Amino acid sequence: MEIETLTHTDTPIMTQEAITARVTRDASRLYGDTIAEETLAVWASSAVAELWGDAVKVTAFLPVLALRMVSNRAESLSDLSEGGLS
């Protein structure tokens, strides 16, 4: 994961690309056996972009929120493949 730091505070700054890569890795670990990594990467990119566009820029929770969005899509897909919605 790419992490840049501010020189005057040494506070990590996570870029949109770094967060997307993290969410993609986490989603691949969870769903890589059943969903193509390319699909998970698209979902992760979409989720991070949606959250990144919000006015609030607290990036510490962004990976968790984005992974939740990807998980919801993966679980919906799983429900559909099982022949119904729960």
PDB file of N, CA and C in Angstrom:
ATOM      1  N   MET A   1       0.852  -1.162   0.000  1.00  0.00           N
ATOM      2  CA  MET A   1       0.000   0.000   0.000  1.00  0.00           C
ATOM      3  C   MET A   1       0.901   1.228   0.000  1.00  0.00           C
ATOM      4  N   GLU A   2       0.576   2.157  -0.882  1.00  0.00           N
ATOM      5  CA  GLU A   2       1.336   3.390  -0.935  1.00  0.00           C
ATOM      6  C   GLU A   2       0.863   4.334   0.161  1.00  0.00           C
ATOM      7  N   ILE A   3       1.794   4.807   0.964  1.00  0.00           N
ATOM      8  CA  ILE A   3       1.460   5.793   1.985  1.00  0.00           C
ATOM      9  C   ILE A   3       2.457   6.935   1.863  1.00  0.00           C
ATOM     10  N   GLU A   4       1.937   8.122   1.675  1.00  0.00           N
ATOM     11  CA  GLU A   4       2.775   9.308   1.649  1.00  0.00           C
ATOM     12  C   GLU A   4       2.691   9.964   3.018  1.00  0.00           C
ATOM     13  N   THR A   5       3.710  10.715   3.390  1.00  0.00           N
ATOM     14  CA  THR A   5       3.652  11.408   4.673  1.00  0.00           C
ATOM     15  C   THR A   5       3.877  12.898   4.473  1.00  0.00           C
ATOM     16  N   LEU A   6       3.264  13.667   5.346  1.00  0.00           N
ATOM     17  CA  LEU A   6       3.524  15.097   5.373  1.00  0.00           C
ATOM     18  C   LEU A   6       4.861  15.301   6.062  1.00  0.00           C
ATOM     19  N   THR A   7       5.713  16.108   5.495  1.00  0.00           N
ATOM     20  CA  THR A   7       7.048  16.268   6.073  1.00  0.00           C
ATOM     21  C   THR A   7       7.018  16.983   7.419  1.00  0.00           C
ATOM     22  N   HIS A   8       6.058  17.878   7.630  1.00  0.00           N
ATOM     23  CA  HIS A   8       6.058  18.614   8.878  1.00  0.00           C
ATOM     24  C   HIS A   8       5.369  17.879  10.030  1.00  0.00           C
ATOM     25  N   THR A   9       4.604  16.837   9.756  1.00  0.00           N
ATOM     26  CA  THR A   9       3.924  16.138  10.841  1.00  0.00           C
ATOM     27  C   THR A   9       4.155  14.632  10.832  1.00  0.00           C
ATOM     28  N   ASP A  10       4.668  14.103   9.735  1.00  0.00           N
ATOM     29  CA  ASP A  10       4.829  12.656   9.562  1.00  0.00           C
ATOM     30  C   ASP A  10       3.506  11.907   9.682  1.00  0.00           C
ATOM     31  N   THR A  11       2.406  12.555   9.370  1.00  0.00           N
ATOM     32  CA  THR A  11       1.090  11.937   9.383  1.00  0.00           C
ATOM     33  C   THR A  11       0.862  11.234   8.050  1.00  0.00           C
ATOM     34  N   PRO A  12       0.479   9.946   8.069  1.00  0.00           N
ATOM     35  CA  PRO A  12       0.244   9.251   6.811  1.00  0.00           C
ATOM     36  C   PRO A  12      -0.935   9.855   6.052  1.00  0.00           C
ATOM     37  N   ILE A  13      -0.766   9.964   4.745  1.00  0.00           N
ATOM     38  CA  ILE A  13      -1.848  10.398   3.872  1.00  0.00           C
ATOM     39  C   ILE A  13      -2.117   9.246   2.919  1.00  0.00           C
ATOM     40  N   MET A  14      -3.338   8.765   2.926  1.00  0.00           N
ATOM     41  CA  MET A  14      -3.687   7.671   2.032  1.00  0.00           C
ATOM     42  C   MET A  14      -4.322   8.257   0.778  1.00  0.00           C
ATOM     43  N   THR A  15      -3.776   7.907  -0.360  1.00  0.00           N
ATOM     44  CA  THR A  15      -4.313   8.380  -1.624  1.00  0.00           C
ATOM     45  C   THR A  15      -5.501   7.515  -2.022  1.00  0.00           C
ATOM     46  N   GLN A  16      -6.281   8.014  -2.953  1.00  0.00           N
ATOM     47  CA  GLN A  16      -7.426   7.253  -3.457  1.00  0.00           C
ATOM     48  C   GLN A  16      -6.957   5.930  -4.060  1.00  0.00           C
ATOM     49  N   GLU A  17      -5.851   5.969  -4.758  1.00  0.00           N
ATOM     50  CA  GLU A  17      -5.310   4.750  -5.376  1.00  0.00           C
ATOM     51  C   GLU A  17      -4.862   3.734  -4.323  1.00  0.00           C
ATOM     52  N   ALA A  18      -4.233   4.220  -3.264  1.00  0.00           N
ATOM     53  CA  ALA A  18      -3.768   3.321  -2.202  1.00  0.00           C
ATOM     54  C   ALA A  18      -4.945   2.678  -1.477  1.00  0.00           C
ATOM     55  N   ILE A  19      -5.983   3.459  -1.233  1.00  0.00           N
ATOM     56  CA  ILE A  19      -7.163   2.913  -0.563  1.00  0.00           C
ATOM     57  C   ILE A  19      -7.855   1.897  -1.456  1.00  0.00           C
ATOM     58  N   THR A  20      -7.960   2.198  -2.748  1.00  0.00           N
ATOM     59  CA  THR A  20      -8.568   1.259  -3.697  1.00  0.00           C
ATOM     60  C   THR A  20      -7.793  -0.053  -3.724  1.00  0.00           C
ATOM     61  N   ALA A  21      -6.481   0.025  -3.731  1.00  0.00           N
ATOM     62  CA  ALA A  21      -5.652  -1.193  -3.734  1.00  0.00           C
ATOM     63  C   ALA A  21      -5.879  -1.996  -2.458  1.00  0.00           C
ATOM     64  N   ARG A  22      -5.974  -1.305  -1.327  1.00  0.00           N
ATOM     65  CA  ARG A  22      -6.209  -1.997  -0.045  1.00  0.00           C
ATOM     66  C   ARG A  22      -7.565  -2.690  -0.040  1.00  0.00           C
ATOM     67  N   VAL A  23      -8.591  -1.995  -0.484  1.00  0.00           N
ATOM     68  CA  VAL A  23      -9.936  -2.575  -0.502  1.00  0.00           C
ATOM     69  C   VAL A  23      -9.978  -3.757  -1.473  1.00  0.00           C
ATOM     70  N   THR A  24      -9.320  -3.629  -2.611  1.00  0.00           N
ATOM     71  CA  THR A  24      -9.270  -4.731  -3.578  1.00  0.00           C
ATOM     72  C   THR A  24      -8.591  -5.955  -2.968  1.00  0.00           C
ATOM     73  N   ARG A  25      -7.477  -5.744  -2.270  1.00  0.00           N
ATOM     74  CA  ARG A  25      -6.785  -6.879  -1.617  1.00  0.00           C
ATOM     75  C   ARG A  25      -7.667  -7.533  -0.566  1.00  0.00           C
ATOM     76  N   ASP A  26      -8.316  -6.714   0.259  1.00  0.00           N
ATOM     77  CA  ASP A  26      -9.181  -7.264   1.306  1.00  0.00           C
ATOM     78  C   ASP A  26     -10.363  -8.013   0.705  1.00  0.00           C
ATOM     79  N   ALA A  27     -10.967  -7.448  -0.327  1.00  0.00           N
ATOM     80  CA  ALA A  27     -12.101  -8.102  -0.990  1.00  0.00           C
ATOM     81  C   ALA A  27     -11.658  -9.406  -1.659  1.00  0.00           C
ATOM     82  N   SER A  28     -10.477  -9.414  -2.240  1.00  0.00           N
ATOM     83  CA  SER A  28      -9.959 -10.637  -2.874  1.00  0.00           C
ATOM     84  C   SER A  28      -9.741 -11.742  -1.851  1.00  0.00           C
ATOM     85  N   ARG A  29      -9.264 -11.348  -0.669  1.00  0.00           N
ATOM     86  CA  ARG A  29      -9.086 -12.337   0.395  1.00  0.00           C
ATOM     87  C   ARG A  29     -10.427 -12.941   0.812  1.00  0.00           C
ATOM     88  N   LEU A  30     -11.464 -12.106   0.859  1.00  0.00           N
ATOM     89  CA  LEU A  30     -12.782 -12.568   1.304  1.00  0.00           C
ATOM     90  C   LEU A  30     -13.561 -13.298   0.220  1.00  0.00           C
ATOM     91  N   TYR A  31     -13.490 -12.797  -1.011  1.00  0.00           N
ATOM     92  CA  TYR A  31     -14.378 -13.290  -2.070  1.00  0.00           C
ATOM     93  C   TYR A  31     -13.652 -13.807  -3.305  1.00  0.00           C
ATOM     94  N   GLY A  32     -12.326 -13.841  -3.264  1.00  0.00           N
ATOM     95  CA  GLY A  32     -11.538 -14.236  -4.427  1.00  0.00           C
ATOM     96  C   GLY A  32     -11.803 -15.635  -4.939  1.00  0.00           C
ATOM     97  N   ASP A  33     -12.317 -16.509  -4.080  1.00  0.00           N
ATOM     98  CA  ASP A  33     -12.616 -17.878  -4.516  1.00  0.00           C
ATOM     99  C   ASP A  33     -13.862 -17.949  -5.390  1.00  0.00           C
ATOM    100  N   THR A  34     -14.745 -16.956  -5.264  1.00  0.00           N
ATOM    101  CA  THR A  34     -16.022 -17.025  -5.984  1.00  0.00           C
ATOM    102  C   THR A  34     -16.251 -15.876  -6.959  1.00  0.00           C
ATOM    103  N   ILE A  35     -15.521 -14.787  -6.819  1.00  0.00           N
ATOM    104  CA  ILE A  35     -15.714 -13.623  -7.683  1.00  0.00           C
ATOM    105  C   ILE A  35     -14.369 -13.231  -8.277  1.00  0.00           C
ATOM    106  N   ALA A  36     -14.351 -12.964  -9.571  1.00  0.00           N
ATOM    107  CA  ALA A  36     -13.109 -12.620 -10.266  1.00  0.00           C
ATOM    108  C   ALA A  36     -12.468 -11.375  -9.662  1.00  0.00           C
ATOM    109  N   GLU A  37     -11.152 -11.394  -9.566  1.00  0.00           N
ATOM    110  CA  GLU A  37     -10.436 -10.266  -8.983  1.00  0.00           C
ATOM    111  C   GLU A  37     -10.688  -8.981  -9.764  1.00  0.00           C
ATOM    112  N   GLU A  38     -10.841  -9.097 -11.084  1.00  0.00           N
ATOM    113  CA  GLU A  38     -11.114  -7.915 -11.898  1.00  0.00           C
ATOM    114  C   GLU A  38     -12.441  -7.277 -11.499  1.00  0.00           C
ATOM    115  N   THR A  39     -13.442  -8.105 -11.213  1.00  0.00           N
ATOM    116  CA  THR A  39     -14.751  -7.604 -10.785  1.00  0.00           C
ATOM    117  C   THR A  39     -14.628  -6.923  -9.431  1.00  0.00           C
ATOM    118  N   LEU A  40     -13.912  -7.556  -8.513  1.00  0.00           N
ATOM    119  CA  LEU A  40     -13.713  -6.968  -7.189  1.00  0.00           C
ATOM    120  C   LEU A  40     -12.967  -5.638  -7.283  1.00  0.00           C
ATOM    121  N   ALA A  41     -11.997  -5.555  -8.192  1.00  0.00           N
ATOM    122  CA  ALA A  41     -11.243  -4.313  -8.372  1.00  0.00           C
ATOM    123  C   ALA A  41     -12.146  -3.193  -8.882  1.00  0.00           C
ATOM    124  N   VAL A  42     -13.049  -3.524  -9.800  1.00  0.00           N
ATOM    125  CA  VAL A  42     -13.989  -2.518 -10.318  1.00  0.00           C
ATOM    126  C   VAL A  42     -14.924  -2.060  -9.205  1.00  0.00           C
ATOM    127  N   TRP A  43     -15.434  -3.010  -8.435  1.00  0.00           N
ATOM    128  CA  TRP A  43     -16.327  -2.662  -7.322  1.00  0.00           C
ATOM    129  C   TRP A  43     -15.601  -1.802  -6.291  1.00  0.00           C
ATOM    130  N   ALA A  44     -14.366  -2.166  -5.975  1.00  0.00           N
ATOM    131  CA  ALA A  44     -13.586  -1.405  -5.001  1.00  0.00           C
ATOM    132  C   ALA A  44     -13.333   0.013  -5.502  1.00  0.00           C
ATOM    133  N   SER A  45     -12.958   0.124  -6.749  1.00  0.00           N
ATOM    134  CA  SER A  45     -12.697   1.438  -7.333  1.00  0.00           C
ATOM    135  C   SER A  45     -13.956   2.301  -7.308  1.00  0.00           C
ATOM    136  N   SER A  46     -15.078   1.705  -7.649  1.00  0.00           N
ATOM    137  CA  SER A  46     -16.351   2.420  -7.645  1.00  0.00           C
ATOM    138  C   SER A  46     -16.728   2.882  -6.235  1.00  0.00           C
ATOM    139  N   ALA A  47     -16.584   2.000  -5.265  1.00  0.00           N
ATOM    140  CA  ALA A  47     -16.935   2.326  -3.880  1.00  0.00           C
ATOM    141  C   ALA A  47     -16.042   3.435  -3.334  1.00  0.00           C
ATOM    142  N   VAL A  48     -14.748   3.328  -3.563  1.00  0.00           N
ATOM    143  CA  VAL A  48     -13.816   4.344  -3.061  1.00  0.00           C
ATOM    144  C   VAL A  48     -14.090   5.683  -3.751  1.00  0.00           C
ATOM    145  N   ALA A  49     -14.326   5.654  -5.054  1.00  0.00           N
ATOM    146  CA  ALA A  49     -14.604   6.900  -5.773  1.00  0.00           C
ATOM    147  C   ALA A  49     -15.866   7.569  -5.241  1.00  0.00           C
ATOM    148  N   GLU A  50     -16.885   6.776  -4.967  1.00  0.00           N
ATOM    149  CA  GLU A  50     -18.129   7.333  -4.424  1.00  0.00           C
ATOM    150  C   GLU A  50     -17.896   7.975  -3.058  1.00  0.00           C
ATOM    151  N   LEU A  51     -17.179   7.288  -2.197  1.00  0.00           N
ATOM    152  CA  LEU A  51     -16.910   7.816  -0.866  1.00  0.00           C
ATOM    153  C   LEU A  51     -15.933   8.987  -0.905  1.00  0.00           C
ATOM    154  N   TRP A  52     -14.971   8.912  -1.805  1.00  0.00           N
ATOM    155  CA  TRP A  52     -13.958   9.959  -1.933  1.00  0.00           C
ATOM    156  C   TRP A  52     -14.602  11.274  -2.350  1.00  0.00           C
ATOM    157  N   GLY A  53     -15.669  11.197  -3.116  1.00  0.00           N
ATOM    158  CA  GLY A  53     -16.346  12.394  -3.593  1.00  0.00           C
ATOM    159  C   GLY A  53     -17.164  13.090  -2.526  1.00  0.00           C
ATOM    160  N   ASP A  54     -17.412  12.418  -1.405  1.00  0.00           N
ATOM    161  CA  ASP A  54     -18.172  13.036  -0.322  1.00  0.00           C
ATOM    162  C   ASP A  54     -17.391  14.218   0.254  1.00  0.00           C
ATOM    163  N   ALA A  55     -18.105  15.140   0.858  1.00  0.00           N
ATOM    164  CA  ALA A  55     -17.499  16.358   1.407  1.00  0.00           C
ATOM    165  C   ALA A  55     -16.564  16.061   2.584  1.00  0.00           C
ATOM    166  N   VAL A  56     -16.863  15.049   3.366  1.00  0.00           N
ATOM    167  CA  VAL A  56     -16.047  14.723   4.535  1.00  0.00           C
ATOM    168  C   VAL A  56     -14.802  13.978   4.071  1.00  0.00           C
ATOM    169  N   LYS A  57     -13.653  14.397   4.530  1.00  0.00           N
ATOM    170  CA  LYS A  57     -12.399  13.794   4.099  1.00  0.00           C
ATOM    171  C   LYS A  57     -11.688  13.060   5.236  1.00  0.00           C
ATOM    172  N   VAL A  58     -12.422  12.325   6.031  1.00  0.00           N
ATOM    173  CA  VAL A  58     -11.817  11.493   7.067  1.00  0.00           C
ATOM    174  C   VAL A  58     -11.522  10.151   6.409  1.00  0.00           C
ATOM    175  N   THR A  59     -10.298  10.003   5.948  1.00  0.00           N
ATOM    176  CA  THR A  59      -9.951   8.827   5.149  1.00  0.00           C
ATOM    177  C   THR A  59      -9.663   7.594   6.001  1.00  0.00           C
ATOM    178  N   ALA A  60      -9.558   7.732   7.313  1.00  0.00           N
ATOM    179  CA  ALA A  60      -9.236   6.594   8.166  1.00  0.00           C
ATOM    180  C   ALA A  60     -10.291   5.494   8.064  1.00  0.00           C
ATOM    181  N   PHE A  61     -11.552   5.860   7.898  1.00  0.00           N
ATOM    182  CA  PHE A  61     -12.629   4.878   7.846  1.00  0.00           C
ATOM    183  C   PHE A  61     -13.039   4.519   6.426  1.00  0.00           C
ATOM    184  N   LEU A  62     -12.491   5.206   5.450  1.00  0.00           N
ATOM    185  CA  LEU A  62     -12.885   4.985   4.072  1.00  0.00           C
ATOM    186  C   LEU A  62     -12.672   3.545   3.617  1.00  0.00           C
ATOM    187  N   PRO A  63     -11.542   2.892   3.925  1.00  0.00           N
ATOM    188  CA  PRO A  63     -11.375   1.498   3.487  1.00  0.00           C
ATOM    189  C   PRO A  63     -12.446   0.568   4.062  1.00  0.00           C
ATOM    190  N   VAL A  64     -12.825   0.783   5.302  1.00  0.00           N
ATOM    191  CA  VAL A  64     -13.844  -0.060   5.941  1.00  0.00           C
ATOM    192  C   VAL A  64     -15.199   0.149   5.274  1.00  0.00           C
ATOM    193  N   LEU A  65     -15.545   1.404   5.032  1.00  0.00           N
ATOM    194  CA  LEU A  65     -16.824   1.701   4.380  1.00  0.00           C
ATOM    195  C   LEU A  65     -16.861   1.163   2.959  1.00  0.00           C
ATOM    196  N   ALA A  66     -15.772   1.321   2.223  1.00  0.00           N
ATOM    197  CA  ALA A  66     -15.709   0.833   0.850  1.00  0.00           C
ATOM    198  C   ALA A  66     -15.788  -0.694   0.823  1.00  0.00           C
ATOM    199  N   LEU A  67     -15.096  -1.367   1.740  1.00  0.00           N
ATOM    200  CA  LEU A  67     -15.155  -2.829   1.787  1.00  0.00           C
ATOM    201  C   LEU A  67     -16.569  -3.293   2.120  1.00  0.00           C
ATOM    202  N   ARG A  68     -17.270  -2.563   2.973  1.00  0.00           N
ATOM    203  CA  ARG A  68     -18.658  -2.900   3.279  1.00  0.00           C
ATOM    204  C   ARG A  68     -19.525  -2.810   2.015  1.00  0.00           C
ATOM    205  N   MET A  69     -19.289  -1.793   1.200  1.00  0.00           N
ATOM    206  CA  MET A  69     -20.036  -1.639  -0.046  1.00  0.00           C
ATOM    207  C   MET A  69     -19.755  -2.806  -0.997  1.00  0.00           C
ATOM    208  N   VAL A  70     -18.484  -3.188  -1.104  1.00  0.00           N
ATOM    209  CA  VAL A  70     -18.111  -4.329  -1.952  1.00  0.00           C
ATOM    210  C   VAL A  70     -18.738  -5.608  -1.397  1.00  0.00           C
ATOM    211  N   SER A  71     -18.698  -5.787  -0.093  1.00  0.00           N
ATOM    212  CA  SER A  71     -19.282  -6.982   0.532  1.00  0.00           C
ATOM    213  C   SER A  71     -20.775  -7.075   0.264  1.00  0.00           C
ATOM    214  N   ASN A  72     -21.465  -5.947   0.330  1.00  0.00           N
ATOM    215  CA  ASN A  72     -22.901  -5.945   0.040  1.00  0.00           C
ATOM    216  C   ASN A  72     -23.165  -6.395  -1.382  1.00  0.00           C
ATOM    217  N   ARG A  73     -22.359  -5.938  -2.326  1.00  0.00           N
ATOM    218  CA  ARG A  73     -22.522  -6.362  -3.727  1.00  0.00           C
ATOM    219  C   ARG A  73     -22.238  -7.853  -3.870  1.00  0.00           C
ATOM    220  N   ALA A  74     -21.178  -8.317  -3.214  1.00  0.00           N
ATOM    221  CA  ALA A  74     -20.812  -9.730  -3.306  1.00  0.00           C
ATOM    222  C   ALA A  74     -21.903 -10.617  -2.707  1.00  0.00           C
ATOM    223  N   GLU A  75     -22.448 -10.206  -1.585  1.00  0.00           N
ATOM    224  CA  GLU A  75     -23.504 -10.992  -0.948  1.00  0.00           C
ATOM    225  C   GLU A  75     -24.789 -10.968  -1.772  1.00  0.00           C
ATOM    226  N   SER A  76     -25.085  -9.836  -2.404  1.00  0.00           N
ATOM    227  CA  SER A  76     -26.253  -9.764  -3.292  1.00  0.00           C
ATOM    228  C   SER A  76     -26.082 -10.705  -4.471  1.00  0.00           C
ATOM    229  N   LEU A  77     -24.879 -10.732  -5.021  1.00  0.00           N
ATOM    230  CA  LEU A  77     -24.593 -11.627  -6.128  1.00  0.00           C
ATOM    231  C   LEU A  77     -24.737 -13.085  -5.699  1.00  0.00           C
ATOM    232  N   SER A  78     -24.267 -13.389  -4.513  1.00  0.00           N
ATOM    233  CA  SER A  78     -24.377 -14.740  -3.966  1.00  0.00           C
ATOM    234  C   SER A  78     -25.842 -15.125  -3.781  1.00  0.00           C
ATOM    235  N   ASP A  79     -26.650 -14.195  -3.261  1.00  0.00           N
ATOM    236  CA  ASP A  79     -28.079 -14.462  -3.089  1.00  0.00           C
ATOM    237  C   ASP A  79     -28.744 -14.750  -4.422  1.00  0.00           C
ATOM    238  N   LEU A  80     -28.376 -13.990  -5.444  1.00  0.00           N
ATOM    239  CA  LEU A  80     -28.971 -14.194  -6.771  1.00  0.00           C
ATOM    240  C   LEU A  80     -28.579 -15.536  -7.356  1.00  0.00           C
ATOM    241  N   SER A  81     -27.330 -15.924  -7.161  1.00  0.00           N
ATOM    242  CA  SER A  81     -26.859 -17.194  -7.726  1.00  0.00           C
ATOM    243  C   SER A  81     -27.482 -18.399  -7.015  1.00  0.00           C
ATOM    244  N   GLU A  82     -27.944 -18.176  -5.781  1.00  0.00           N
ATOM    245  CA  GLU A  82     -28.600 -19.267  -5.043  1.00  0.00           C
ATOM    246  C   GLU A  82     -30.084 -19.368  -5.393  1.00  0.00           C
ATOM    247  N   GLY A  83     -30.530 -18.470  -6.272  1.00  0.00           N
ATOM    248  CA  GLY A  83     -31.904 -18.588  -6.757  1.00  0.00           C
ATOM    249  C   GLY A  83     -32.929 -17.761  -6.032  1.00  0.00           C
ATOM    250  N   GLY A  84     -32.503 -16.814  -5.229  1.00  0.00           N
ATOM    251  CA  GLY A  84     -33.466 -15.984  -4.563  1.00  0.00           C
ATOM    252  C   GLY A  84     -32.822 -14.927  -3.727  1.00  0.00           C
ATOM    253  N   LEU A  85     -33.616 -14.055  -3.235  1.00  0.00           N
ATOM    254  CA  LEU A  85     -33.138 -13.001  -2.360  1.00  0.00           C
ATOM    255  C   LEU A  85     -33.578 -13.305  -0.943  1.00  0.00           C
ATOM    256  N   SER A  86     -32.736 -12.970   0.015  1.00  0.00           N
ATOM    257  CA  SER A  86     -33.123 -13.211   1.410  1.00  0.00           C
ATOM    258  C   SER A  86     -33.759 -11.992   2.016  1.00  0.00           C
TER     259      SER A  86
END
